[in-house]
Amino acid sequence: MKTFSFSYKHFAILVLCLPVFAIAQTDSIPVSRIPVPDENAKPAAIPPDTTKPVMNSDAIYNRPFMQVGKTPIAIGGYMEMNTNYSGTDGVSEGFSFQFRRLTLFMSSSLTKRIRFLSELEFEEGTKEINIEYAALDFEFHPMLNLRTGIIMNPIGAFNQNHDSPRWEFVERPISATQMLPATWSNVGAGVHGKYYSAKWTFGYEVYLTNGFDERIIANNHNRTFLGATKANPDRFEESFNGSPLVTGKIAIARRHSFEIGFSYMGGVYNRFREDGLIIDSKRRVDVLAFDFNAGISKTGTTFTGEVAQVLIDIPGSYSQQFGARQFGGFLDIIQPIVKRKIFGWEKSVINAALRIEYTDWNAGVFRETGGNISDHVYAISPAISWRPSGSTVLRLNYRYQWKTDILGNPAVRTAAIQLGVAGYF
């Protein structure tokens, strides 16, 4: 039995309707999640992108890099630190500090229309050190560019546009970081491009990369969990099964008004062949995602959202706790309430924000009874944030979460007060 009356179907309808509402508004405010660099920052070594205006796909380059002398090299990065006080069903482990991540960027314009970017991330001190991105771009034409290396798969928008200083919330969305694998990148190659005319921009990306492995069902989470593949130490060296993962996205944007994107990612995840012998049927994982950001010019309100569905071919030997279909999404509403000089920072902004999110880990029914499988999570997070500059944010969040097990027992409820800071450097 579900313990919360808000239905994911209603959530999806709400998210799908918001862009239509935003299109009707006048287009006098930017709605990109990309922060504005400080006025006194040194010039970047490379332009943000070959064409303007920027889209979510440009987030990897559209950062406040700092040029190293007269060299073609530019560096940058960001840090994130948080405090947290939380309790689950009235039981708390107390107050704690967390240094969540330090990320370093390095880019270089090697020659005309050839550029390189890398991103190295240190998480939770140095518990995890990951190369999240390391790719060369060859720019033949604005509509045709080759990208090769360790590529950020463009599924949804958050995976590419995930930098912490761009968001008003301490926690990342569950659907974008757990149901979909957070900062999911792979070795491969593909093409991307943009075309724009007047106020309209069209963009596309298509990549072939290494893909998932059997960890998505053979893991210690005891559920279908795509992010478990990130633990494979060999995924940057070879494909698990010799079958490429296909990722593609198309997006359309109206300048200073809205952007919507549709993306797909799919491929075989199991080892179906060994030494030339067929040992199993091919089992696929397929992901569909829709994302948008939009704004209301008169109030300055912005909306950012994403919904996704994951379809997995589960072997018959696995129990029904491993979902063959997952669904989730989030919606952020941001409202500036103060824009003025504060403590000497000329362009300070104080925002009120709200995030609503839902993830259904097993969107199906029991075969025996036809009853609903209730392995899902709801969360709501009101927030206040202060941006002394566009590239730095201090945020105070209250997060309340309902988590229901597979049998639909009464929800486990978690509440947290979180204070965090994140900034580019």
Protein backbone atom coordinates (compact mmCIF):
# COMPACT_ATOMS: atom_id res chain seq x y z
CA MET A 1 0.00 0.00 0.00
CA LYS A 2 1.40 3.40 -0.95
CA THR A 3 1.81 5.79 1.97
CA PHE A 4 1.77 9.03 0.02
CA SER A 5 -1.01 10.17 -2.29
CA PHE A 6 1.16 11.99 -4.83
CA SER A 7 1.36 9.74 -7.92
CA TYR A 8 4.34 9.57 -10.25
CA LYS A 9 1.86 9.83 -13.12
CA HIS A 10 0.78 13.21 -11.78
CA PHE A 11 4.43 14.18 -11.40
CA ALA A 12 5.16 13.28 -15.03
CA ILE A 13 2.15 15.26 -16.25
CA LEU A 14 3.29 18.28 -14.24
CA VAL A 15 6.81 18.13 -15.63
CA LEU A 16 5.64 17.67 -19.20
CA CYS A 17 3.25 20.62 -18.98
CA LEU A 18 5.71 23.16 -17.58
CA PRO A 19 7.66 23.78 -20.82
CA VAL A 20 4.40 24.53 -22.61
CA PHE A 21 3.62 27.10 -19.93
CA ALA A 22 7.11 28.60 -20.23
CA ILE A 23 6.94 28.95 -24.01
CA ALA A 24 4.06 31.38 -23.58
CA GLN A 25 6.22 33.72 -21.50
CA THR A 26 8.32 36.58 -22.86
CA ASP A 27 11.97 35.70 -23.27
CA SER A 28 13.89 38.32 -21.30
CA ILE A 29 15.72 36.19 -18.70
CA PRO A 30 18.38 33.50 -19.02
CA VAL A 31 17.42 30.08 -17.72
CA SER A 32 20.72 28.22 -18.06
CA ARG A 33 22.05 26.46 -14.96
CA ILE A 34 25.53 27.68 -15.93
CA PRO A 35 26.79 30.33 -13.50
CA VAL A 36 28.12 33.72 -14.53
CA PRO A 37 31.88 34.01 -13.94
CA ASP A 38 33.16 36.79 -11.70
CA GLU A 39 33.80 40.13 -13.40
CA ASN A 40 37.47 40.14 -12.29
CA ALA A 41 38.20 36.61 -13.51
CA LYS A 42 41.05 36.17 -15.98
CA PRO A 43 40.07 35.44 -19.57
CA ALA A 44 39.47 31.83 -20.50
CA ALA A 45 41.98 30.10 -22.73
CA ILE A 46 39.23 28.79 -24.99
CA PRO A 47 35.79 30.09 -25.94
CA PRO A 48 32.85 28.37 -24.24
CA ASP A 49 31.74 26.74 -27.48
CA THR A 50 31.95 27.05 -31.24
CA THR A 51 28.41 28.39 -31.45
CA LYS A 52 26.13 30.44 -29.23
CA PRO A 53 23.90 30.47 -27.27
CA VAL A 54 24.95 27.71 -24.88
CA MET A 55 22.90 24.60 -24.18
CA ASN A 56 23.14 21.87 -21.54
CA SER A 57 25.47 19.99 -23.89
CA ASP A 58 27.97 22.88 -23.61
CA ALA A 59 28.24 22.64 -19.82
CA ILE A 60 31.53 20.74 -19.87
CA TYR A 61 33.32 23.65 -21.56
CA ASN A 62 31.27 26.55 -20.27
CA ARG A 63 33.09 26.87 -16.93
CA PRO A 64 35.20 29.69 -15.45
CA PHE A 65 38.64 28.48 -16.57
CA MET A 66 41.75 30.54 -15.78
CA GLN A 67 44.50 30.87 -18.38
CA VAL A 68 48.03 29.79 -17.42
CA GLY A 69 50.22 32.70 -18.49
CA LYS A 70 50.54 32.93 -22.27
CA THR A 71 50.20 29.20 -22.79
CA PRO A 72 47.16 27.61 -24.49
CA ILE A 73 46.41 25.79 -21.21
CA ALA A 74 43.55 26.76 -18.89
CA ILE A 75 42.75 25.29 -15.50
CA GLY A 76 39.85 25.44 -13.10
CA GLY A 77 37.75 23.39 -10.75
CA TYR A 78 35.33 23.52 -7.87
CA MET A 79 34.95 22.35 -4.30
CA GLU A 80 31.96 21.32 -2.24
CA MET A 81 31.61 21.11 1.55
CA ASN A 82 28.47 20.40 3.55
CA THR A 83 27.16 19.96 7.06
CA ASN A 84 24.36 17.57 7.82
CA TYR A 85 22.02 16.79 10.71
CA SER A 86 19.54 14.03 9.89
CA GLY A 87 17.28 11.53 11.54
CA THR A 88 15.39 8.46 10.33
CA ASP A 89 12.14 7.58 12.11
CA GLY A 90 13.23 9.71 15.05
CA VAL A 91 16.73 8.22 15.35
CA SER A 92 19.67 10.51 14.58
CA GLU A 93 23.39 9.94 14.32
CA GLY A 94 24.03 13.57 15.13
CA PHE A 95 25.82 16.40 13.38
CA SER A 96 28.65 15.96 10.89
CA PHE A 97 30.80 17.83 8.38
CA GLN A 98 31.48 16.46 4.93
CA PHE A 99 33.99 17.46 2.29
CA ARG A 100 32.15 15.84 -0.58
CA ARG A 101 34.34 16.56 -3.58
CA LEU A 102 37.19 18.48 -5.17
CA THR A 103 37.15 18.56 -8.95
CA LEU A 104 39.95 19.80 -11.22
CA PHE A 105 39.57 20.83 -14.88
CA MET A 106 42.32 21.29 -17.45
CA SER A 107 41.75 22.35 -21.03
CA SER A 108 43.93 23.25 -23.96
CA SER A 109 43.41 24.61 -27.44
CA LEU A 110 45.94 22.40 -29.22
CA THR A 111 45.58 24.13 -32.57
CA LYS A 112 42.86 25.74 -34.59
CA ARG A 113 39.55 23.86 -33.99
CA ILE A 114 41.19 21.06 -31.96
CA ARG A 115 40.78 21.23 -28.20
CA PHE A 116 41.19 19.00 -25.17
CA LEU A 117 39.40 18.93 -21.82
CA SER A 118 39.91 16.71 -18.78
CA GLU A 119 38.07 16.48 -15.47
CA LEU A 120 39.53 14.74 -12.42
CA GLU A 121 37.41 14.32 -9.30
CA PHE A 122 38.39 13.51 -5.70
CA GLU A 123 35.35 12.42 -3.68
CA GLU A 124 34.96 12.21 0.12
CA GLY A 125 38.55 13.18 0.75
CA THR A 126 40.34 10.64 -1.43
CA LYS A 127 38.07 7.62 -1.04
CA GLU A 128 37.40 7.82 -4.75
CA ILE A 129 39.58 9.36 -7.45
CA ASN A 130 37.96 9.30 -10.88
CA ILE A 131 38.70 10.53 -14.37
CA GLU A 132 35.26 11.78 -15.30
CA TYR A 133 36.16 13.27 -18.65
CA ALA A 134 39.18 13.34 -20.96
CA ALA A 135 38.36 13.99 -24.59
CA LEU A 136 39.60 15.61 -27.78
CA ASP A 137 37.21 17.63 -29.96
CA PHE A 138 37.84 18.07 -33.69
CA GLU A 139 35.62 20.88 -35.00
CA PHE A 140 34.96 20.40 -38.70
CA HIS A 141 31.77 22.45 -38.81
CA PRO A 142 29.31 23.74 -36.16
CA MET A 143 26.98 20.90 -37.21
CA LEU A 144 29.70 18.22 -37.36
CA ASN A 145 32.32 17.78 -34.62
CA LEU A 146 34.19 14.61 -33.67
CA ARG A 147 34.67 13.82 -29.97
CA THR A 148 36.81 10.91 -28.75
CA GLY A 149 38.20 9.80 -25.40
CA ILE A 150 36.44 9.41 -22.05
CA ILE A 151 33.05 10.91 -22.84
CA MET A 152 30.19 11.96 -20.56
CA ASN A 153 27.17 10.06 -21.90
CA PRO A 154 24.41 12.63 -22.59
CA ILE A 155 21.48 10.85 -20.93
CA GLY A 156 19.15 13.49 -19.52
CA ALA A 157 20.72 16.86 -18.73
CA PHE A 158 22.05 16.45 -15.19
CA ASN A 159 24.75 13.96 -16.18
CA GLN A 160 26.54 16.60 -18.25
CA ASN A 161 25.48 19.66 -16.25
CA HIS A 162 26.18 18.29 -12.76
CA ASP A 163 28.69 20.73 -11.24
CA SER A 164 27.67 21.45 -7.65
CA PRO A 165 28.04 25.28 -7.82
CA ARG A 166 25.29 25.37 -10.46
CA TRP A 167 22.60 24.03 -8.13
CA GLU A 168 20.72 25.38 -5.11
CA PHE A 169 20.55 22.00 -3.38
CA VAL A 170 23.09 20.05 -1.33
CA GLU A 171 21.94 16.62 -2.48
CA ARG A 172 21.87 15.57 -6.10
CA PRO A 173 18.56 14.16 -7.43
CA ILE A 174 18.06 10.45 -6.69
CA SER A 175 16.69 9.69 -10.16
CA ALA A 176 19.62 11.39 -11.91
CA THR A 177 22.39 9.96 -9.72
CA GLN A 178 21.22 6.57 -8.45
CA MET A 179 18.55 5.31 -10.84
CA LEU A 180 20.65 6.80 -13.65
CA PRO A 181 24.37 6.49 -12.90
CA ALA A 182 25.76 9.82 -11.71
CA THR A 183 28.54 11.37 -13.83
CA TRP A 184 28.36 8.34 -16.12
CA SER A 185 31.23 8.38 -18.60
CA ASN A 186 32.84 5.81 -20.89
CA VAL A 187 35.58 5.42 -23.46
CA GLY A 188 34.35 5.92 -26.98
CA ALA A 189 33.76 8.32 -29.83
CA GLY A 190 30.98 10.12 -31.61
CA VAL A 191 29.75 13.28 -33.24
CA HIS A 192 27.90 16.35 -32.04
CA GLY A 193 26.77 19.66 -33.45
CA LYS A 194 24.49 22.67 -33.22
CA TYR A 195 22.55 24.84 -35.59
CA TYR A 196 20.93 28.11 -34.65
CA SER A 197 18.91 30.77 -36.39
CA ALA A 198 17.56 33.92 -34.78
CA LYS A 199 16.27 32.85 -31.35
CA TRP A 200 16.18 29.10 -31.99
CA THR A 201 18.95 26.53 -31.47
CA PHE A 202 19.02 22.84 -32.34
CA GLY A 203 21.68 20.47 -31.01
CA TYR A 204 22.44 16.78 -31.27
CA GLU A 205 24.95 14.23 -29.92
CA VAL A 206 25.53 10.57 -30.87
CA TYR A 207 28.21 8.36 -29.28
CA LEU A 208 29.38 4.75 -29.26
CA THR A 209 31.12 3.80 -26.01
CA ASN A 210 31.87 0.89 -23.71
CA GLY A 211 28.77 0.04 -21.72
CA PHE A 212 27.26 -1.65 -18.71
CA ASP A 213 28.05 -5.05 -17.24
CA GLU A 214 26.27 -7.64 -15.11
CA ARG A 215 26.88 -5.63 -11.95
CA ILE A 216 23.64 -3.79 -12.68
CA ILE A 217 21.83 -6.85 -11.29
CA ALA A 218 24.66 -8.75 -9.52
CA ASN A 219 25.40 -6.17 -6.82
CA ASN A 220 25.17 -5.59 -3.07
CA HIS A 221 22.23 -3.17 -3.48
CA ASN A 222 19.90 -6.16 -3.99
CA ARG A 223 18.05 -4.34 -6.76
CA THR A 224 18.56 -3.29 -10.34
CA PHE A 225 21.17 -0.54 -10.01
CA LEU A 226 22.85 0.87 -13.13
CA GLY A 227 25.48 2.78 -11.17
CA ALA A 228 27.05 -0.45 -9.89
CA THR A 229 28.91 -0.76 -13.20
CA LYS A 230 31.05 2.23 -12.19
CA ALA A 231 32.87 -0.14 -9.81
CA ASN A 232 34.29 -2.08 -12.77
CA PRO A 233 38.01 -1.17 -12.80
CA ASP A 234 38.40 -2.32 -16.41
CA ARG A 235 35.57 -0.35 -18.05
CA PHE A 236 37.99 2.26 -19.46
CA GLU A 237 40.21 -0.48 -20.91
CA GLU A 238 37.84 -2.88 -22.65
CA SER A 239 34.19 -3.64 -23.28
CA PHE A 240 32.66 -6.21 -20.94
CA ASN A 241 30.93 -8.06 -23.78
CA GLY A 242 32.17 -6.58 -27.05
CA SER A 243 28.87 -4.80 -27.68
CA PRO A 244 28.89 -0.97 -27.76
CA LEU A 245 26.56 1.26 -25.78
CA VAL A 246 24.67 3.74 -27.98
CA THR A 247 23.82 7.15 -26.53
CA GLY A 248 22.04 9.88 -28.44
CA LYS A 249 20.35 13.16 -27.66
CA ILE A 250 18.53 15.92 -29.50
CA ALA A 251 17.66 19.27 -27.94
CA ILE A 252 15.93 22.45 -29.00
CA ALA A 253 16.11 25.80 -27.26
CA ARG A 254 14.62 29.26 -27.59
CA ARG A 255 17.12 31.88 -26.51
CA HIS A 256 16.59 33.15 -22.95
CA SER A 257 13.33 31.20 -22.71
CA PHE A 258 13.54 27.40 -22.58
CA GLU A 259 15.39 24.25 -23.61
CA ILE A 260 14.00 20.74 -23.96
CA GLY A 261 15.92 17.57 -24.66
CA PHE A 262 15.15 13.95 -25.54
CA SER A 263 17.83 11.32 -25.03
CA TYR A 264 18.32 7.57 -25.36
CA MET A 265 20.96 5.16 -24.09
CA GLY A 266 20.95 1.42 -24.73
CA GLY A 267 22.96 -1.71 -25.27
CA VAL A 268 23.67 -5.28 -24.18
CA TYR A 269 24.86 -5.57 -20.59
CA ASN A 270 25.57 -9.28 -20.10
CA ARG A 271 28.38 -11.53 -21.34
CA PHE A 272 26.66 -13.60 -24.00
CA ARG A 273 29.75 -15.01 -25.75
CA GLU A 274 32.87 -16.70 -24.37
CA ASP A 275 35.78 -17.77 -26.58
CA GLY A 276 33.53 -17.61 -29.62
CA LEU A 277 30.79 -19.75 -28.05
CA ILE A 278 27.31 -18.37 -27.36
CA ILE A 279 26.64 -18.92 -23.64
CA ASP A 280 23.55 -16.76 -23.09
CA SER A 281 20.99 -14.69 -24.92
CA LYS A 282 21.69 -10.99 -25.28
CA ARG A 283 20.10 -9.00 -22.45
CA ARG A 284 19.58 -5.30 -22.99
CA VAL A 285 19.29 -2.19 -20.89
CA ASP A 286 17.52 0.78 -22.49
CA VAL A 287 17.01 4.25 -21.03
CA LEU A 288 14.74 7.05 -22.23
CA ALA A 289 14.94 10.55 -20.73
CA PHE A 290 13.30 13.93 -21.15
CA ASP A 291 14.74 17.13 -19.66
CA PHE A 292 13.93 20.80 -19.74
CA ASN A 293 14.68 24.18 -18.24
CA ALA A 294 12.43 27.19 -18.63
CA GLY A 295 11.66 30.56 -17.11
CA ILE A 296 8.99 33.16 -16.42
CA SER A 297 10.35 36.58 -17.36
CA LYS A 298 8.09 38.74 -15.19
CA THR A 299 8.99 37.01 -11.92
CA GLY A 300 12.44 35.61 -12.71
CA THR A 301 11.24 32.13 -11.75
CA THR A 302 13.08 29.22 -13.36
CA PHE A 303 12.10 25.57 -13.69
CA THR A 304 14.51 22.69 -14.22
CA GLY A 305 13.38 19.10 -14.50
CA GLU A 306 14.12 15.65 -15.79
CA VAL A 307 12.21 12.38 -16.06
CA ALA A 308 13.60 9.02 -17.14
CA GLN A 309 12.56 5.42 -17.62
CA VAL A 310 14.90 2.43 -17.46
CA LEU A 311 14.02 -0.90 -19.11
CA ILE A 312 16.11 -3.98 -18.27
CA ASP A 313 15.88 -7.57 -19.48
CA ILE A 314 16.10 -9.48 -16.18
CA PRO A 315 16.92 -13.23 -16.23
CA GLY A 316 14.09 -15.49 -15.08
CA SER A 317 16.29 -16.87 -12.30
CA TYR A 318 16.27 -13.51 -10.49
CA SER A 319 13.59 -12.65 -7.94
CA GLN A 320 11.02 -9.94 -8.51
CA GLN A 321 12.89 -7.50 -6.26
CA PHE A 322 15.06 -6.80 -9.30
CA GLY A 323 12.98 -4.37 -11.32
CA ALA A 324 12.66 -4.75 -15.08
CA ARG A 325 11.31 -1.21 -15.30
CA GLN A 326 12.31 1.88 -13.29
CA PHE A 327 10.91 5.38 -13.45
CA GLY A 328 11.88 8.65 -11.78
CA GLY A 329 12.33 12.36 -12.07
CA PHE A 330 12.78 15.67 -10.32
CA LEU A 331 11.55 19.23 -10.59
CA ASP A 332 13.41 22.31 -9.29
CA ILE A 333 11.66 25.66 -8.91
CA ILE A 334 13.96 28.64 -8.25
CA GLN A 335 12.71 32.11 -7.32
CA PRO A 336 15.11 35.07 -6.80
CA ILE A 337 13.89 37.12 -3.83
CA VAL A 338 16.77 39.58 -3.37
CA LYS A 339 19.11 41.05 -6.00
CA ARG A 340 21.42 43.74 -4.65
CA LYS A 341 24.82 44.49 -3.18
CA ILE A 342 25.42 42.43 -0.01
CA PHE A 343 28.60 42.76 2.10
CA GLY A 344 30.41 44.33 -0.83
CA TRP A 345 29.42 41.76 -3.45
CA GLU A 346 27.78 43.82 -6.16
CA LYS A 347 25.65 41.15 -7.85
CA SER A 348 24.48 39.09 -4.89
CA VAL A 349 21.31 37.06 -5.32
CA ILE A 350 19.25 35.31 -2.65
CA ASN A 351 17.01 32.54 -3.99
CA ALA A 352 14.12 30.59 -2.57
CA ALA A 353 13.96 27.11 -4.06
CA LEU A 354 11.97 23.90 -3.97
CA ARG A 355 12.81 20.44 -5.28
CA ILE A 356 10.25 17.64 -5.69
CA GLU A 357 11.54 14.20 -6.65
CA TYR A 358 10.33 10.65 -7.11
CA THR A 359 12.05 7.37 -7.94
CA ASP A 360 10.35 4.02 -8.45
CA TRP A 361 13.00 1.31 -8.35
CA ASN A 362 10.58 -1.37 -9.49
CA ALA A 363 7.68 0.00 -11.54
CA GLY A 364 5.75 -3.21 -11.89
CA VAL A 365 3.37 -5.68 -10.24
CA PHE A 366 3.83 -9.05 -8.56
CA ARG A 367 3.27 -11.91 -10.98
CA GLU A 368 1.38 -13.99 -8.42
CA THR A 369 -1.11 -11.40 -7.15
CA GLY A 370 -1.04 -8.49 -9.59
CA GLY A 371 -0.42 -6.19 -6.64
CA ASN A 372 1.80 -3.13 -6.94
CA ILE A 373 5.52 -3.45 -6.18
CA SER A 374 6.18 -0.52 -3.86
CA ASP A 375 9.95 -0.05 -3.89
CA HIS A 376 9.95 3.74 -4.28
CA VAL A 377 11.18 7.02 -2.80
CA TYR A 378 9.57 10.47 -2.57
CA ALA A 379 11.45 13.54 -1.39
CA ILE A 380 10.80 17.25 -1.05
CA SER A 381 13.47 19.88 -0.33
CA PRO A 382 12.74 23.56 0.33
CA ALA A 383 15.88 25.70 0.24
CA ILE A 384 17.34 29.17 0.63
CA SER A 385 20.56 29.99 -1.21
CA TRP A 386 22.83 33.01 -1.41
CA ARG A 387 25.04 33.63 -4.41
CA PRO A 388 27.57 36.40 -3.69
CA SER A 389 28.66 35.78 -7.28
CA GLY A 390 27.36 33.54 -10.03
CA SER A 391 30.08 30.95 -9.45
CA THR A 392 29.70 30.51 -5.67
CA VAL A 393 26.70 29.40 -3.65
CA LEU A 394 25.86 29.02 0.04
CA ARG A 395 22.72 26.97 0.57
CA LEU A 396 20.47 25.95 3.43
CA ASN A 397 18.21 22.96 2.71
CA TYR A 398 15.59 21.02 4.58
CA ARG A 399 15.07 17.58 3.07
CA TYR A 400 12.19 15.22 3.88
CA GLN A 401 12.12 11.76 2.34
CA TRP A 402 9.62 8.86 2.29
CA LYS A 403 11.09 5.45 1.39
CA THR A 404 8.85 2.40 0.96
CA ASP A 405 10.06 -1.20 0.65
CA ILE A 406 9.06 -3.74 -1.98
CA LEU A 407 6.09 -5.02 0.06
CA GLY A 408 4.58 -1.60 0.68
CA ASN A 409 5.17 -1.53 4.43
CA PRO A 410 4.86 1.85 6.19
CA ALA A 411 7.42 4.27 4.78
CA VAL A 412 10.75 4.93 6.44
CA ARG A 413 10.90 8.69 6.90
CA THR A 414 14.12 10.68 6.93
CA ALA A 415 14.47 14.40 7.67
CA ALA A 416 17.68 16.38 7.30
CA ILE A 417 18.88 19.94 7.76
CA GLN A 418 21.80 20.65 5.45
CA LEU A 419 24.08 23.67 5.10
CA GLY A 420 26.51 23.64 2.22
CA VAL A 421 28.92 25.74 0.19
CA ALA A 422 30.21 25.15 -3.34
CA GLY A 423 32.28 27.30 -5.62
CA TYR A 424 34.40 27.36 -8.73
CA PHE A 425 37.99 28.47 -8.47
